[in-house]
Amino acid sequence: MKDYKNIDGNTLINLGHEPAKWFADAIEHINKNELQIHDVLDYLDQFKPAPTVPLHKEPVPFTTNIKAQSEEETENVQAVIDTMNVLMRTPTVVSGAIMPD
């Protein structure tokens, strides 16, 4: 692996990091201290994001306790159901219900 001199944000991106607020401080530190590649990689370890929990593959089942009484309400209820189908894929969701106001 090559050593880096005067790294920039593109270098960090090429190393697999997502652009973030910490880039400026990290770039300054790495360049100021003229870190070698193994030291750069060790230093950047502290900025690894926490593991993410993937979305549920399918929405968690939810209760629908609402009835539309007009065409406009039917469209609205369908929009709410569509939104709930997206929301219910959230990893921390365990149950849900759609109810009238």
N, C-alpha and C. Protein backbone atom coordinates (compact mmCIF):
# COMPACT_ATOMS: atom_id res chain seq x y z
N MET A 1 0.83 -1.18 0.00
CA MET A 1 0.00 0.00 0.00
C MET A 1 0.88 1.25 0.00
N LYS A 2 0.47 2.26 -0.70
CA LYS A 2 1.30 3.45 -0.76
C LYS A 2 1.09 4.33 0.46
N ASP A 3 2.07 5.20 0.71
CA ASP A 3 1.94 6.19 1.77
C ASP A 3 1.27 7.42 1.16
N TYR A 4 0.57 8.17 1.99
CA TYR A 4 -0.15 9.33 1.50
C TYR A 4 0.52 10.59 1.99
N LYS A 5 0.63 11.56 1.11
CA LYS A 5 1.14 12.88 1.47
C LYS A 5 0.07 13.88 1.06
N ASN A 6 -0.22 14.79 1.96
CA ASN A 6 -1.26 15.80 1.72
C ASN A 6 -2.57 15.15 1.27
N ILE A 7 -3.09 14.31 2.13
CA ILE A 7 -4.36 13.66 1.80
C ILE A 7 -5.48 14.69 1.81
N ASP A 8 -6.57 14.35 1.17
CA ASP A 8 -7.74 15.23 1.16
C ASP A 8 -8.98 14.36 1.34
N GLY A 9 -10.13 14.97 1.22
CA GLY A 9 -11.39 14.25 1.39
C GLY A 9 -11.55 13.10 0.43
N ASN A 10 -11.07 13.27 -0.79
CA ASN A 10 -11.16 12.19 -1.78
C ASN A 10 -10.37 10.97 -1.33
N THR A 11 -9.24 11.20 -0.66
CA THR A 11 -8.45 10.09 -0.15
C THR A 11 -9.25 9.30 0.86
N LEU A 12 -9.91 10.02 1.78
CA LEU A 12 -10.71 9.34 2.81
C LEU A 12 -11.87 8.59 2.18
N ILE A 13 -12.48 9.17 1.19
CA ILE A 13 -13.58 8.50 0.48
C ILE A 13 -13.06 7.24 -0.21
N ASN A 14 -11.90 7.34 -0.85
CA ASN A 14 -11.30 6.18 -1.52
C ASN A 14 -10.93 5.08 -0.53
N LEU A 15 -10.70 5.46 0.73
CA LEU A 15 -10.41 4.48 1.77
C LEU A 15 -11.69 3.89 2.36
N GLY A 16 -12.85 4.30 1.83
CA GLY A 16 -14.11 3.70 2.22
C GLY A 16 -14.94 4.47 3.23
N HIS A 17 -14.58 5.72 3.50
CA HIS A 17 -15.33 6.52 4.47
C HIS A 17 -16.35 7.41 3.77
N GLU A 18 -17.49 7.57 4.42
CA GLU A 18 -18.52 8.48 3.92
C GLU A 18 -18.15 9.90 4.34
N PRO A 19 -18.33 10.88 3.46
CA PRO A 19 -18.04 12.27 3.85
C PRO A 19 -18.76 12.62 5.15
N ALA A 20 -18.02 13.27 6.04
CA ALA A 20 -18.60 13.60 7.35
C ALA A 20 -17.90 14.83 7.92
N LYS A 21 -18.48 15.33 8.98
CA LYS A 21 -17.98 16.53 9.65
C LYS A 21 -16.54 16.35 10.14
N TRP A 22 -16.18 15.13 10.54
CA TRP A 22 -14.85 14.88 11.09
C TRP A 22 -13.74 14.91 10.05
N PHE A 23 -14.08 14.90 8.77
CA PHE A 23 -13.07 14.87 7.72
C PHE A 23 -12.01 15.96 7.89
N ALA A 24 -12.43 17.19 8.12
CA ALA A 24 -11.49 18.32 8.18
C ALA A 24 -10.46 18.11 9.29
N ASP A 25 -10.92 17.73 10.48
CA ASP A 25 -9.99 17.51 11.60
C ASP A 25 -9.06 16.33 11.31
N ALA A 26 -9.59 15.27 10.74
CA ALA A 26 -8.77 14.10 10.45
C ALA A 26 -7.72 14.43 9.40
N ILE A 27 -8.10 15.12 8.36
CA ILE A 27 -7.16 15.49 7.30
C ILE A 27 -6.05 16.36 7.87
N GLU A 28 -6.43 17.33 8.68
CA GLU A 28 -5.43 18.20 9.29
C GLU A 28 -4.47 17.39 10.16
N HIS A 29 -4.99 16.50 10.98
CA HIS A 29 -4.15 15.69 11.86
C HIS A 29 -3.21 14.79 11.07
N ILE A 30 -3.73 14.11 10.07
CA ILE A 30 -2.92 13.19 9.28
C ILE A 30 -1.81 13.93 8.54
N ASN A 31 -2.15 15.05 7.91
CA ASN A 31 -1.16 15.81 7.16
C ASN A 31 -0.13 16.47 8.08
N LYS A 32 -0.61 17.04 9.17
CA LYS A 32 0.29 17.73 10.12
C LYS A 32 1.31 16.75 10.70
N ASN A 33 0.87 15.54 11.01
CA ASN A 33 1.74 14.54 11.63
C ASN A 33 2.42 13.62 10.61
N GLU A 34 2.19 13.88 9.32
CA GLU A 34 2.79 13.10 8.24
C GLU A 34 2.73 11.60 8.50
N LEU A 35 1.52 11.13 8.81
CA LEU A 35 1.33 9.72 9.15
C LEU A 35 1.60 8.81 7.96
N GLN A 36 2.18 7.67 8.23
CA GLN A 36 2.37 6.63 7.23
C GLN A 36 1.05 5.88 7.09
N ILE A 37 0.90 5.11 6.03
CA ILE A 37 -0.39 4.48 5.72
C ILE A 37 -0.92 3.63 6.87
N HIS A 38 -0.07 2.83 7.50
CA HIS A 38 -0.57 1.99 8.60
C HIS A 38 -1.06 2.85 9.77
N ASP A 39 -0.39 4.00 9.99
CA ASP A 39 -0.83 4.91 11.05
C ASP A 39 -2.12 5.63 10.65
N VAL A 40 -2.25 5.94 9.37
CA VAL A 40 -3.48 6.58 8.87
C VAL A 40 -4.66 5.65 9.10
N LEU A 41 -4.50 4.39 8.73
CA LEU A 41 -5.58 3.42 8.88
C LEU A 41 -5.94 3.21 10.35
N ASP A 42 -4.92 3.13 11.21
CA ASP A 42 -5.18 3.00 12.65
C ASP A 42 -5.92 4.21 13.18
N TYR A 43 -5.49 5.41 12.75
CA TYR A 43 -6.13 6.65 13.20
C TYR A 43 -7.59 6.70 12.74
N LEU A 44 -7.84 6.29 11.51
CA LEU A 44 -9.20 6.37 10.96
C LEU A 44 -10.15 5.35 11.57
N ASP A 45 -9.63 4.32 12.22
CA ASP A 45 -10.50 3.32 12.86
C ASP A 45 -11.48 3.95 13.84
N GLN A 46 -11.08 5.02 14.49
CA GLN A 46 -11.96 5.66 15.48
C GLN A 46 -13.21 6.28 14.85
N PHE A 47 -13.18 6.48 13.55
CA PHE A 47 -14.31 7.11 12.88
C PHE A 47 -15.25 6.11 12.19
N LYS A 48 -14.98 4.83 12.38
CA LYS A 48 -15.87 3.83 11.78
C LYS A 48 -17.26 3.98 12.39
N PRO A 49 -18.29 3.99 11.55
CA PRO A 49 -19.64 4.11 12.09
C PRO A 49 -20.05 2.84 12.84
N ALA A 50 -20.96 3.02 13.76
CA ALA A 50 -21.51 1.87 14.49
C ALA A 50 -22.23 0.96 13.49
N PRO A 51 -22.26 -0.33 13.77
CA PRO A 51 -22.98 -1.23 12.87
C PRO A 51 -24.45 -0.83 12.78
N THR A 52 -25.01 -1.02 11.62
CA THR A 52 -26.42 -0.69 11.42
C THR A 52 -27.26 -1.96 11.46
N VAL A 53 -28.50 -1.77 11.86
CA VAL A 53 -29.45 -2.88 11.87
C VAL A 53 -30.25 -2.76 10.57
N PRO A 54 -30.28 -3.81 9.77
CA PRO A 54 -30.98 -3.72 8.49
C PRO A 54 -32.49 -3.61 8.67
N LEU A 55 -33.14 -3.06 7.66
CA LEU A 55 -34.60 -2.99 7.65
C LEU A 55 -35.19 -4.40 7.60
N HIS A 56 -36.40 -4.54 8.15
CA HIS A 56 -37.12 -5.80 7.97
C HIS A 56 -37.34 -5.99 6.47
N LYS A 57 -37.26 -7.21 5.99
CA LYS A 57 -37.48 -7.48 4.56
C LYS A 57 -38.93 -7.18 4.18
N GLU A 58 -39.83 -7.51 5.07
CA GLU A 58 -41.26 -7.26 4.87
C GLU A 58 -41.76 -6.40 6.01
N PRO A 59 -42.79 -5.59 5.78
CA PRO A 59 -43.34 -4.79 6.88
C PRO A 59 -43.88 -5.68 8.00
N VAL A 60 -43.69 -5.24 9.24
CA VAL A 60 -44.31 -5.92 10.37
C VAL A 60 -45.82 -5.74 10.20
N PRO A 61 -46.62 -6.79 10.40
CA PRO A 61 -48.08 -6.64 10.25
C PRO A 61 -48.62 -5.56 11.20
N PHE A 62 -49.62 -4.83 10.73
CA PHE A 62 -50.24 -3.80 11.55
C PHE A 62 -51.74 -3.85 11.37
N THR A 63 -52.43 -3.29 12.34
CA THR A 63 -53.90 -3.27 12.33
C THR A 63 -54.38 -2.00 11.63
N THR A 64 -55.41 -2.16 10.82
CA THR A 64 -56.04 -1.01 10.19
C THR A 64 -57.46 -0.90 10.74
N ASN A 65 -57.71 0.12 11.52
CA ASN A 65 -59.00 0.30 12.17
C ASN A 65 -59.60 1.63 11.72
N ILE A 66 -59.83 1.74 10.43
CA ILE A 66 -60.36 2.98 9.87
C ILE A 66 -61.12 2.62 8.60
N LYS A 67 -62.23 3.32 8.37
CA LYS A 67 -63.03 3.09 7.17
C LYS A 67 -63.24 4.42 6.45
N ALA A 68 -63.02 4.39 5.15
CA ALA A 68 -63.23 5.57 4.34
C ALA A 68 -64.71 5.69 3.99
N GLN A 69 -65.19 6.94 3.94
CA GLN A 69 -66.61 7.16 3.62
C GLN A 69 -66.79 7.99 2.36
N SER A 70 -65.70 8.31 1.70
CA SER A 70 -65.79 9.04 0.44
C SER A 70 -64.56 8.68 -0.40
N GLU A 71 -64.60 9.10 -1.65
CA GLU A 71 -63.48 8.81 -2.54
C GLU A 71 -62.20 9.49 -2.03
N GLU A 72 -62.34 10.71 -1.55
CA GLU A 72 -61.19 11.44 -1.01
C GLU A 72 -60.60 10.72 0.21
N GLU A 73 -61.48 10.26 1.09
CA GLU A 73 -61.01 9.52 2.27
C GLU A 73 -60.36 8.20 1.87
N THR A 74 -60.90 7.55 0.84
CA THR A 74 -60.32 6.29 0.35
C THR A 74 -58.88 6.52 -0.11
N GLU A 75 -58.66 7.59 -0.85
CA GLU A 75 -57.31 7.93 -1.31
C GLU A 75 -56.39 8.22 -0.12
N ASN A 76 -56.91 8.94 0.86
CA ASN A 76 -56.13 9.28 2.05
C ASN A 76 -55.77 8.02 2.85
N VAL A 77 -56.74 7.14 3.06
CA VAL A 77 -56.48 5.91 3.81
C VAL A 77 -55.44 5.07 3.08
N GLN A 78 -55.54 4.99 1.75
CA GLN A 78 -54.54 4.23 0.99
C GLN A 78 -53.16 4.84 1.12
N ALA A 79 -53.08 6.17 1.13
CA ALA A 79 -51.79 6.85 1.30
C ALA A 79 -51.21 6.54 2.68
N VAL A 80 -52.06 6.49 3.70
CA VAL A 80 -51.61 6.17 5.06
C VAL A 80 -51.13 4.72 5.11
N ILE A 81 -51.85 3.81 4.49
CA ILE A 81 -51.44 2.40 4.45
C ILE A 81 -50.09 2.25 3.74
N ASP A 82 -49.93 2.94 2.62
CA ASP A 82 -48.66 2.89 1.89
C ASP A 82 -47.51 3.39 2.76
N THR A 83 -47.74 4.47 3.49
CA THR A 83 -46.73 5.02 4.39
C THR A 83 -46.42 4.05 5.51
N MET A 84 -47.45 3.43 6.08
CA MET A 84 -47.24 2.46 7.16
C MET A 84 -46.44 1.26 6.66
N ASN A 85 -46.67 0.83 5.43
CA ASN A 85 -45.90 -0.30 4.90
C ASN A 85 -44.41 0.01 4.84
N VAL A 86 -44.08 1.25 4.59
CA VAL A 86 -42.67 1.67 4.61
C VAL A 86 -42.18 1.76 6.06
N LEU A 87 -42.93 2.43 6.89
CA LEU A 87 -42.57 2.63 8.29
C LEU A 87 -42.39 1.32 9.04
N MET A 88 -43.24 0.36 8.76
CA MET A 88 -43.23 -0.90 9.49
C MET A 88 -42.04 -1.80 9.13
N ARG A 89 -41.19 -1.36 8.25
CA ARG A 89 -39.93 -2.07 7.96
C ARG A 89 -38.80 -1.62 8.88
N THR A 90 -39.05 -0.58 9.68
CA THR A 90 -38.05 -0.06 10.61
C THR A 90 -37.66 -1.17 11.60
N PRO A 91 -36.37 -1.39 11.80
CA PRO A 91 -35.92 -2.53 12.62
C PRO A 91 -36.43 -2.54 14.05
N THR A 92 -36.71 -1.40 14.62
CA THR A 92 -37.14 -1.35 16.02
C THR A 92 -38.65 -1.43 16.20
N VAL A 93 -39.40 -1.44 15.11
CA VAL A 93 -40.86 -1.50 15.18
C VAL A 93 -41.30 -2.95 15.43
N VAL A 94 -42.23 -3.11 16.38
CA VAL A 94 -42.74 -4.46 16.68
C VAL A 94 -44.23 -4.59 16.42
N SER A 95 -44.95 -3.47 16.38
CA SER A 95 -46.38 -3.53 16.08
C SER A 95 -46.84 -2.12 15.68
N GLY A 96 -48.04 -2.05 15.13
CA GLY A 96 -48.57 -0.76 14.73
C GLY A 96 -50.05 -0.85 14.44
N ALA A 97 -50.68 0.32 14.37
CA ALA A 97 -52.11 0.39 14.08
C ALA A 97 -52.41 1.70 13.40
N ILE A 98 -53.37 1.66 12.48
CA ILE A 98 -53.91 2.86 11.86
C ILE A 98 -55.29 3.05 12.44
N MET A 99 -55.51 4.23 13.02
CA MET A 99 -56.81 4.53 13.64
C MET A 99 -57.23 5.94 13.24
N PRO A 100 -58.52 6.21 13.27
CA PRO A 100 -58.96 7.56 12.95
C PRO A 100 -58.50 8.54 14.03
N ASP A 101 -58.47 9.82 13.67
CA ASP A 101 -58.07 10.84 14.65
C ASP A 101 -58.94 10.70 15.86
